[in-house]
Amino acid sequence: MPLDPNDLIPDVRDGLTRVERVVLYCLHETQKEFPGRNVPTATLYGRVVEHVDLSVPQFQKILQRLTGRGV
């Protein structure tokens, strides 16, 4: 199922899209399973695609934006 264009519109409250919010939620939940350690990106991607249909490049672009390491 492809992304709904509405999923990519930033929310006026904080500027996050629905997809970015899903990534942050999955990161938060997965961090609970890896206390004191970094969450493997592949694990996070697997959790995110359970909620939204994202390609790896789309996922990486979102992570870059959220971490401030984008090009």
PDB file of N, CA and C in Angstrom:
ATOM      1  N   MET A   1       0.843  -1.173   0.000  1.00  0.00           N
ATOM      2  CA  MET A   1       0.000   0.000   0.000  1.00  0.00           C
ATOM      3  C   MET A   1       0.890   1.239   0.000  1.00  0.00           C
ATOM      4  N   PRO A   2       0.800   2.075  -1.035  1.00  0.00           N
ATOM      5  CA  PRO A   2       1.641   3.274  -1.096  1.00  0.00           C
ATOM      6  C   PRO A   2       1.210   4.306  -0.063  1.00  0.00           C
ATOM      7  N   LEU A   3       2.118   5.232   0.202  1.00  0.00           N
ATOM      8  CA  LEU A   3       1.830   6.291   1.167  1.00  0.00           C
ATOM      9  C   LEU A   3       0.718   7.188   0.670  1.00  0.00           C
ATOM     10  N   ASP A   4      -0.130   7.583   1.584  1.00  0.00           N
ATOM     11  CA  ASP A   4      -1.156   8.576   1.306  1.00  0.00           C
ATOM     12  C   ASP A   4      -0.459   9.938   1.275  1.00  0.00           C
ATOM     13  N   PRO A   5      -0.721  10.782   0.288  1.00  0.00           N
ATOM     14  CA  PRO A   5      -0.077  12.106   0.248  1.00  0.00           C
ATOM     15  C   PRO A   5      -0.303  12.903   1.534  1.00  0.00           C
ATOM     16  N   ASN A   6      -1.414  12.679   2.217  1.00  0.00           N
ATOM     17  CA  ASN A   6      -1.668  13.374   3.479  1.00  0.00           C
ATOM     18  C   ASN A   6      -0.696  12.958   4.585  1.00  0.00           C
ATOM     19  N   ASP A   7      -0.076  11.772   4.441  1.00  0.00           N
ATOM     20  CA  ASP A   7       0.891  11.309   5.434  1.00  0.00           C
ATOM     21  C   ASP A   7       2.188  12.110   5.379  1.00  0.00           C
ATOM     22  N   LEU A   8       2.384  12.866   4.324  1.00  0.00           N
ATOM     23  CA  LEU A   8       3.631  13.608   4.141  1.00  0.00           C
ATOM     24  C   LEU A   8       3.482  15.099   4.403  1.00  0.00           C
ATOM     25  N   ILE A   9       2.299  15.524   4.840  1.00  0.00           N
ATOM     26  CA  ILE A   9       2.057  16.936   5.136  1.00  0.00           C
ATOM     27  C   ILE A   9       2.457  17.195   6.589  1.00  0.00           C
ATOM     28  N   PRO A  10       3.341  18.176   6.821  1.00  0.00           N
ATOM     29  CA  PRO A  10       3.750  18.464   8.204  1.00  0.00           C
ATOM     30  C   PRO A  10       2.589  18.985   9.045  1.00  0.00           C
ATOM     31  N   ASP A  11       2.557  18.554  10.277  1.00  0.00           N
ATOM     32  CA  ASP A  11       1.566  19.014  11.242  1.00  0.00           C
ATOM     33  C   ASP A  11       1.950  20.430  11.670  1.00  0.00           C
ATOM     34  N   VAL A  12       0.980  21.315  11.808  1.00  0.00           N
ATOM     35  CA  VAL A  12       1.274  22.701  12.155  1.00  0.00           C
ATOM     36  C   VAL A  12       1.787  22.845  13.580  1.00  0.00           C
ATOM     37  N   ARG A  13       1.515  21.879  14.441  1.00  0.00           N
ATOM     38  CA  ARG A  13       1.942  21.985  15.839  1.00  0.00           C
ATOM     39  C   ARG A  13       3.441  21.833  16.006  1.00  0.00           C
ATOM     40  N   ASP A  14       4.036  20.862  15.284  1.00  0.00           N
ATOM     41  CA  ASP A  14       5.461  20.605  15.495  1.00  0.00           C
ATOM     42  C   ASP A  14       6.251  20.368  14.211  1.00  0.00           C
ATOM     43  N   GLY A  15       5.582  20.379  13.069  1.00  0.00           N
ATOM     44  CA  GLY A  15       6.276  20.216  11.796  1.00  0.00           C
ATOM     45  C   GLY A  15       6.575  18.785  11.412  1.00  0.00           C
ATOM     46  N   LEU A  16       6.121  17.815  12.212  1.00  0.00           N
ATOM     47  CA  LEU A  16       6.349  16.412  11.892  1.00  0.00           C
ATOM     48  C   LEU A  16       5.231  15.872  11.012  1.00  0.00           C
ATOM     49  N   THR A  17       5.610  15.021  10.068  1.00  0.00           N
ATOM     50  CA  THR A  17       4.609  14.336   9.267  1.00  0.00           C
ATOM     51  C   THR A  17       4.155  13.090  10.024  1.00  0.00           C
ATOM     52  N   ARG A  18       3.092  12.473   9.556  1.00  0.00           N
ATOM     53  CA  ARG A  18       2.617  11.238  10.194  1.00  0.00           C
ATOM     54  C   ARG A  18       3.691  10.159  10.129  1.00  0.00           C
ATOM     55  N   VAL A  19       4.371  10.068   8.989  1.00  0.00           N
ATOM     56  CA  VAL A  19       5.405   9.041   8.818  1.00  0.00           C
ATOM     57  C   VAL A  19       6.566   9.291   9.785  1.00  0.00           C
ATOM     58  N   GLU A  20       6.980  10.537   9.933  1.00  0.00           N
ATOM     59  CA  GLU A  20       8.056  10.852  10.882  1.00  0.00           C
ATOM     60  C   GLU A  20       7.633  10.515  12.303  1.00  0.00           C
ATOM     61  N   ARG A  21       6.384  10.771  12.617  1.00  0.00           N
ATOM     62  CA  ARG A  21       5.866  10.458  13.942  1.00  0.00           C
ATOM     63  C   ARG A  21       5.893   8.940  14.183  1.00  0.00           C
ATOM     64  N   VAL A  22       5.578   8.152  13.156  1.00  0.00           N
ATOM     65  CA  VAL A  22       5.637   6.690  13.271  1.00  0.00           C
ATOM     66  C   VAL A  22       7.077   6.244  13.511  1.00  0.00           C
ATOM     67  N   VAL A  23       8.029   6.843  12.797  1.00  0.00           N
ATOM     68  CA  VAL A  23       9.443   6.491  12.982  1.00  0.00           C
ATOM     69  C   VAL A  23       9.875   6.788  14.419  1.00  0.00           C
ATOM     70  N   LEU A  24       9.513   7.956  14.930  1.00  0.00           N
ATOM     71  CA  LEU A  24       9.893   8.313  16.300  1.00  0.00           C
ATOM     72  C   LEU A  24       9.222   7.406  17.324  1.00  0.00           C
ATOM     73  N   TYR A  25       7.969   7.053  17.093  1.00  0.00           N
ATOM     74  CA  TYR A  25       7.268   6.144  18.004  1.00  0.00           C
ATOM     75  C   TYR A  25       7.962   4.777  18.022  1.00  0.00           C
ATOM     76  N   CYS A  26       8.262   4.254  16.841  1.00  0.00           N
ATOM     77  CA  CYS A  26       8.920   2.946  16.759  1.00  0.00           C
ATOM     78  C   CYS A  26      10.308   2.999  17.392  1.00  0.00           C
ATOM     79  N   LEU A  27      11.023   4.095  17.199  1.00  0.00           N
ATOM     80  CA  LEU A  27      12.334   4.249  17.821  1.00  0.00           C
ATOM     81  C   LEU A  27      12.203   4.227  19.339  1.00  0.00           C
ATOM     82  N   HIS A  28      11.243   4.955  19.859  1.00  0.00           N
ATOM     83  CA  HIS A  28      11.034   5.002  21.306  1.00  0.00           C
ATOM     84  C   HIS A  28      10.719   3.620  21.871  1.00  0.00           C
ATOM     85  N   GLU A  29       9.819   2.914  21.213  1.00  0.00           N
ATOM     86  CA  GLU A  29       9.437   1.578  21.681  1.00  0.00           C
ATOM     87  C   GLU A  29      10.605   0.598  21.570  1.00  0.00           C
ATOM     88  N   THR A  30      11.383   0.693  20.499  1.00  0.00           N
ATOM     89  CA  THR A  30      12.500  -0.230  20.292  1.00  0.00           C
ATOM     90  C   THR A  30      13.644   0.071  21.254  1.00  0.00           C
ATOM     91  N   GLN A  31      13.825   1.337  21.622  1.00  0.00           N
ATOM     92  CA  GLN A  31      14.872   1.684  22.589  1.00  0.00           C
ATOM     93  C   GLN A  31      14.634   1.014  23.931  1.00  0.00           C
ATOM     94  N   LYS A  32      13.418   0.735  24.251  1.00  0.00           N
ATOM     95  CA  LYS A  32      13.108   0.036  25.501  1.00  0.00           C
ATOM     96  C   LYS A  32      13.684  -1.382  25.503  1.00  0.00           C
ATOM     97  N   GLU A  33      13.828  -1.963  24.311  1.00  0.00           N
ATOM     98  CA  GLU A  33      14.364  -3.318  24.184  1.00  0.00           C
ATOM     99  C   GLU A  33      15.888  -3.333  24.140  1.00  0.00           C
ATOM    100  N   PHE A  34      16.502  -2.162  23.910  1.00  0.00           N
ATOM    101  CA  PHE A  34      17.953  -2.046  23.821  1.00  0.00           C
ATOM    102  C   PHE A  34      18.440  -1.005  24.834  1.00  0.00           C
ATOM    103  N   PRO A  35      18.197  -1.221  26.124  1.00  0.00           N
ATOM    104  CA  PRO A  35      18.569  -0.193  27.103  1.00  0.00           C
ATOM    105  C   PRO A  35      20.072   0.077  27.105  1.00  0.00           C
ATOM    106  N   GLY A  36      20.414   1.359  27.005  1.00  0.00           N
ATOM    107  CA  GLY A  36      21.812   1.753  27.048  1.00  0.00           C
ATOM    108  C   GLY A  36      22.582   1.482  25.774  1.00  0.00           C
ATOM    109  N   ARG A  37      21.900   1.037  24.723  1.00  0.00           N
ATOM    110  CA  ARG A  37      22.579   0.734  23.450  1.00  0.00           C
ATOM    111  C   ARG A  37      21.841   1.424  22.317  1.00  0.00           C
ATOM    112  N   ASN A  38      22.525   1.573  21.195  1.00  0.00           N
ATOM    113  CA  ASN A  38      21.892   2.123  20.006  1.00  0.00           C
ATOM    114  C   ASN A  38      20.983   1.077  19.367  1.00  0.00           C
ATOM    115  N   VAL A  39      19.909   1.559  18.768  1.00  0.00           N
ATOM    116  CA  VAL A  39      18.980   0.677  18.064  1.00  0.00           C
ATOM    117  C   VAL A  39      19.518   0.446  16.657  1.00  0.00           C
ATOM    118  N   PRO A  40      19.688  -0.816  16.249  1.00  0.00           N
ATOM    119  CA  PRO A  40      20.135  -1.073  14.879  1.00  0.00           C
ATOM    120  C   PRO A  40      19.129  -0.520  13.866  1.00  0.00           C
ATOM    121  N   THR A  41      19.646   0.128  12.840  1.00  0.00           N
ATOM    122  CA  THR A  41      18.792   0.749  11.832  1.00  0.00           C
ATOM    123  C   THR A  41      17.894  -0.279  11.155  1.00  0.00           C
ATOM    124  N   ALA A  42      18.431  -1.455  10.880  1.00  0.00           N
ATOM    125  CA  ALA A  42      17.634  -2.493  10.224  1.00  0.00           C
ATOM    126  C   ALA A  42      16.465  -2.923  11.105  1.00  0.00           C
ATOM    127  N   THR A  43      16.684  -2.993  12.401  1.00  0.00           N
ATOM    128  CA  THR A  43      15.609  -3.345  13.326  1.00  0.00           C
ATOM    129  C   THR A  43      14.535  -2.271  13.322  1.00  0.00           C
ATOM    130  N   LEU A  44      14.973  -1.018  13.384  1.00  0.00           N
ATOM    131  CA  LEU A  44      14.019   0.088  13.364  1.00  0.00           C
ATOM    132  C   LEU A  44      13.228   0.093  12.062  1.00  0.00           C
ATOM    133  N   TYR A  45      13.897  -0.116  10.944  1.00  0.00           N
ATOM    134  CA  TYR A  45      13.205  -0.147   9.651  1.00  0.00           C
ATOM    135  C   TYR A  45      12.146  -1.249   9.637  1.00  0.00           C
ATOM    136  N   GLY A  46      12.492  -2.410  10.161  1.00  0.00           N
ATOM    137  CA  GLY A  46      11.535  -3.516  10.212  1.00  0.00           C
ATOM    138  C   GLY A  46      10.304  -3.176  11.021  1.00  0.00           C
ATOM    139  N   ARG A  47      10.484  -2.440  12.112  1.00  0.00           N
ATOM    140  CA  ARG A  47       9.352  -2.046  12.941  1.00  0.00           C
ATOM    141  C   ARG A  47       8.505  -0.983  12.241  1.00  0.00           C
ATOM    142  N   VAL A  48       9.171  -0.063  11.549  1.00  0.00           N
ATOM    143  CA  VAL A  48       8.445   1.027  10.876  1.00  0.00           C
ATOM    144  C   VAL A  48       7.584   0.488   9.736  1.00  0.00           C
ATOM    145  N   VAL A  49       8.121  -0.439   8.941  1.00  0.00           N
ATOM    146  CA  VAL A  49       7.347  -0.935   7.798  1.00  0.00           C
ATOM    147  C   VAL A  49       6.164  -1.799   8.225  1.00  0.00           C
ATOM    148  N   GLU A  50       6.075  -2.135   9.500  1.00  0.00           N
ATOM    149  CA  GLU A  50       4.870  -2.793   9.997  1.00  0.00           C
ATOM    150  C   GLU A  50       3.707  -1.805  10.056  1.00  0.00           C
ATOM    151  N   HIS A  51       4.020  -0.501  10.082  1.00  0.00           N
ATOM    152  CA  HIS A  51       2.994   0.538  10.197  1.00  0.00           C
ATOM    153  C   HIS A  51       2.765   1.307   8.899  1.00  0.00           C
ATOM    154  N   VAL A  52       3.836   1.581   8.157  1.00  0.00           N
ATOM    155  CA  VAL A  52       3.729   2.329   6.902  1.00  0.00           C
ATOM    156  C   VAL A  52       4.609   1.679   5.843  1.00  0.00           C
ATOM    157  N   ASP A  53       4.197   1.816   4.604  1.00  0.00           N
ATOM    158  CA  ASP A  53       4.935   1.239   3.487  1.00  0.00           C
ATOM    159  C   ASP A  53       5.996   2.237   3.036  1.00  0.00           C
ATOM    160  N   LEU A  54       7.257   1.977   3.396  1.00  0.00           N
ATOM    161  CA  LEU A  54       8.366   2.855   3.046  1.00  0.00           C
ATOM    162  C   LEU A  54       9.460   2.054   2.373  1.00  0.00           C
ATOM    163  N   SER A  55      10.081   2.654   1.382  1.00  0.00           N
ATOM    164  CA  SER A  55      11.271   2.035   0.807  1.00  0.00           C
ATOM    165  C   SER A  55      12.453   2.393   1.696  1.00  0.00           C
ATOM    166  N   VAL A  56      13.551   1.696   1.512  1.00  0.00           N
ATOM    167  CA  VAL A  56      14.749   1.984   2.298  1.00  0.00           C
ATOM    168  C   VAL A  56      15.225   3.425   2.054  1.00  0.00           C
ATOM    169  N   PRO A  57      15.298   3.902   0.789  1.00  0.00           N
ATOM    170  CA  PRO A  57      15.719   5.304   0.593  1.00  0.00           C
ATOM    171  C   PRO A  57      14.788   6.317   1.265  1.00  0.00           C
ATOM    172  N   GLN A  58      13.485   6.073   1.247  1.00  0.00           N
ATOM    173  CA  GLN A  58      12.559   6.980   1.924  1.00  0.00           C
ATOM    174  C   GLN A  58      12.822   6.980   3.428  1.00  0.00           C
ATOM    175  N   PHE A  59      13.029   5.801   3.982  1.00  0.00           N
ATOM    176  CA  PHE A  59      13.314   5.669   5.414  1.00  0.00           C
ATOM    177  C   PHE A  59      14.605   6.398   5.773  1.00  0.00           C
ATOM    178  N   GLN A  60      15.640   6.220   4.964  1.00  0.00           N
ATOM    179  CA  GLN A  60      16.914   6.880   5.226  1.00  0.00           C
ATOM    180  C   GLN A  60      16.783   8.395   5.145  1.00  0.00           C
ATOM    181  N   LYS A  61      15.996   8.874   4.209  1.00  0.00           N
ATOM    182  CA  LYS A  61      15.795  10.316   4.074  1.00  0.00           C
ATOM    183  C   LYS A  61      15.108  10.882   5.320  1.00  0.00           C
ATOM    184  N   ILE A  62      14.131  10.156   5.843  1.00  0.00           N
ATOM    185  CA  ILE A  62      13.435  10.591   7.051  1.00  0.00           C
ATOM    186  C   ILE A  62      14.390  10.581   8.242  1.00  0.00           C
ATOM    187  N   LEU A  63      15.205   9.526   8.363  1.00  0.00           N
ATOM    188  CA  LEU A  63      16.174   9.476   9.461  1.00  0.00           C
ATOM    189  C   LEU A  63      17.169  10.629   9.372  1.00  0.00           C
ATOM    190  N   GLN A  64      17.614  10.938   8.167  1.00  0.00           N
ATOM    191  CA  GLN A  64      18.541  12.057   7.990  1.00  0.00           C
ATOM    192  C   GLN A  64      17.898  13.366   8.434  1.00  0.00           C
ATOM    193  N   ARG A  65      16.656  13.559   8.084  1.00  0.00           N
ATOM    194  CA  ARG A  65      15.968  14.788   8.473  1.00  0.00           C
ATOM    195  C   ARG A  65      15.812  14.863  10.001  1.00  0.00           C
ATOM    196  N   LEU A  66      15.435  13.740  10.611  1.00  0.00           N
ATOM    197  CA  LEU A  66      15.208  13.732  12.049  1.00  0.00           C
ATOM    198  C   LEU A  66      16.502  13.887  12.859  1.00  0.00           C
ATOM    199  N   THR A  67      17.603  13.393  12.332  1.00  0.00           N
ATOM    200  CA  THR A  67      18.872  13.495  13.052  1.00  0.00           C
ATOM    201  C   THR A  67      19.653  14.749  12.695  1.00  0.00           C
ATOM    202  N   GLY A  68      19.197  15.483  11.676  1.00  0.00           N
ATOM    203  CA  GLY A  68      19.912  16.689  11.275  1.00  0.00           C
ATOM    204  C   GLY A  68      21.165  16.414  10.483  1.00  0.00           C
ATOM    205  N   ARG A  69      21.267  15.225   9.948  1.00  0.00           N
ATOM    206  CA  ARG A  69      22.456  14.851   9.182  1.00  0.00           C
ATOM    207  C   ARG A  69      22.175  14.772   7.687  1.00  0.00           C
ATOM    208  N   GLY A  70      21.131  15.450   7.249  1.00  0.00           N
ATOM    209  CA  GLY A  70      20.755  15.421   5.837  1.00  0.00           C
ATOM    210  C   GLY A  70      21.712  16.213   4.972  1.00  0.00           C
ATOM    211  N   VAL A  71      21.632  15.925   3.707  1.00  0.00           N
ATOM    212  CA  VAL A  71      22.499  16.591   2.733  1.00  0.00           C
ATOM    213  C   VAL A  71      21.856  17.881   2.294  1.00  0.00           C
TER     214      VAL A  71
END
